[in-house]
Amino acid sequence: MSYDVVIIGSGPGGYSAAVRAGQFGLKAAIIEKAPKLGGTCLHVGCVPTKALLHTASVWNYFMHPEEEGISCQQPVLHFPNVIDRKAKIVSKHAKGIDFLMKKNKVEVIPGYGRLLGGGKVEVDQNGQKKVIEAKAIVIATGSEARMIPGLKPQSPRIVTNVEILELQSVPKTLGIIGAGAVGVEFGNIFRRFGSEVTIFEMLPRLVPVEDEEVSKELERSFKKEGIRCETGAKVENVQVHADHVSFTATLANGKVEQVSVETLLVAVGRKPNTESIGIENTKIETDRGFIKVNGFQQTAEPGVYAIGDVVLGTPQLAHVATAEGLVAIGHIAGTEVTPIKKNRIPGATYTDPGIGSVGLTEAQAKAAGYKVKVGKFPFAANSKASIVGHHEGFVKVVADETFGEILGVHIIGHHGYELIAEAVVAMEAEATVETIMNTIHAHPTQYEAVGEAFSAVYGMAINA
C-alpha cells in the first residue's frame, strides 16, 4: 500500500500534519501505537494537567472566598471526581481527533511504526507486521519522561507526569525533583489540593529557561503559598518503602537533609522517542537521540521529515510540534512555507501566577551584544488585577535602545500565558516598541499592563 505521506505518531504535531495533508489533497496515513489518537499532550500532558490546574484554581477560590464577600462553609474536595472530569475532557478531545481524521480522509493505521529506509515503514500491530510505502514520511514520535538512573515509576510512590495523573487521592506530602514547567505546575496543583510540597532543583532557580526576574517572582509567590523551594539542591539515595519514599537532599548551603515523602514526582526533563524507530536503516543524523533537520524539517534521509519533541534545537512544546508539522507538510505539498523562527516561539507555564514569554531574556540580549532598554509594569498597578484579586507579577519588555526593536517579552501574572499573545504577534510582525505604545488597549483589562510595560521602556507608563 502506498501513500503520498505517512506520519508516525498522532500527537499535536502528527495529527495537525495529517489534517493539513488532507486539506492539500494528499493521500495520507497516520500510524499510532496507543489505543487512542492524541499523544502525550492530550492523554498525559498538556490537556489533563491544565484540567487539574483549573480545578485547583477553582478549589482555591472555595477555600479563600472571604475577599469576594462570600462565605463557604466546609467545602469538600472529591478528588476521584476531579480525576474523572479530567478523563472526560481527554476523551472528548480524543474523539475530536478521530473526527478530524475522517473529515480529512486520513487513514489511521494502528501499530508501532518503524523506518525501513527507501520510503518504507513497517507497522507492527500485536506481532502482525505489514510494510507500507510513502513518497514522504514524517517522524512525530514525541518524547517520554526521563527517569533518574536506577529508579522506575512505582505508583503511588515514584511517579512521572503519567502516573501522577491517575492518583486517586491527594498525597499528604509530595516531593518534586525538577523545577521546569512539569515540576512547578504539579507543585501548584497539589499544594492547592492540600499536599505539603517541596520542590528540589539542581540549577540556581525555578523555571530556569525563563528570565531571572520571572524565576524570582514565581519562587516568591510559591513560598507565600506554602510551597518549599530548594534550588541548587541535589537529590540522592532514593529508597522506596511501603508507605513512603526516602532520600537524601544536599541543599545549596551544603546542609544534608534526610527527606521522607508520601509521593515523589520525577520531573527532570524528557527524552526523544527515537531509539526503536529504525533510524539505523536511514541516513538520519542524531545528537543525543534528537534528530537533526533543516528549516523545512527535512532529515538527511531523502523524503523523511521530523517534527516536535524528537527535533534537535527547538523546545519540546506542543505548539512547536504543530507549527513544525505544518511546515513539513507544506514543503511536501510543494507550497511556500516559512520555517520556524526560534525567537518567535511563545513559552507558557500554567501555574498561578502564570508565565508567558517570547524572545530573548534580558541576560541573553545583553550577551548577544544589544544595547538593552527594559520596561516593566507591575500588575499591582492594574485595575483588572485588583478586580480579580491577583496583584502578583509583572510584564517585562526587553528592547533594543537603538532602533526600538522588541527583543523579548516576559510576563508572570494571572493568566500570563494568555497575555503573551500580543507580544508574539508584535514580534512576528516586526513591530517596534512605539507600535505597541500607540496601540489602544481596552480598559479595564489585564492586557493593559502589556501596553504600559512597552510605554515603560521609555519611562512613559501612565499608572506607575
Foldseek 3Di string as FASTA:
>chain_A
DEWQEEEEAQALLRLLLLLVCLVLVTAYAYEEADPFGHPCCLQLRVQLLVLLQVVLVVLLCLVPVVVVVDDHPDDDDQQQVSLVVSVVVSVVVRVVSVVSCVVSVYHYHYAHWADQAPQKIWGADPNDIDIYGHLAYEYEQAWAFDDDPPDDDDPPAEAESRRVSPDRDQWQEEEEEAQALRRVSVQQSSLSVHHQYEYEYLAQFHNVVAFPVLRVLSVVVCVVSRYHYFYNKDWDDWDDDPQWIWTWIQGNVRDIDIDITRYYYYHHDIAGPQPGRHCVSFPFDDDSQATEADQLQDGPGPRYGYFAPSHPDADRDSVRSNLSSSSNSCVSSVHDDGGDDRQLDWDWRPHAQIKIKGADHQVRCVVVPAPKFKFKFFQLLAPVCVVVVKRGWIKMWIARPPPQFTGMIITGTHPNNVLCVVVSVCNVVRHGLVVLLPDDDDPRDSNVRVNQRSCRSVPRRDRD
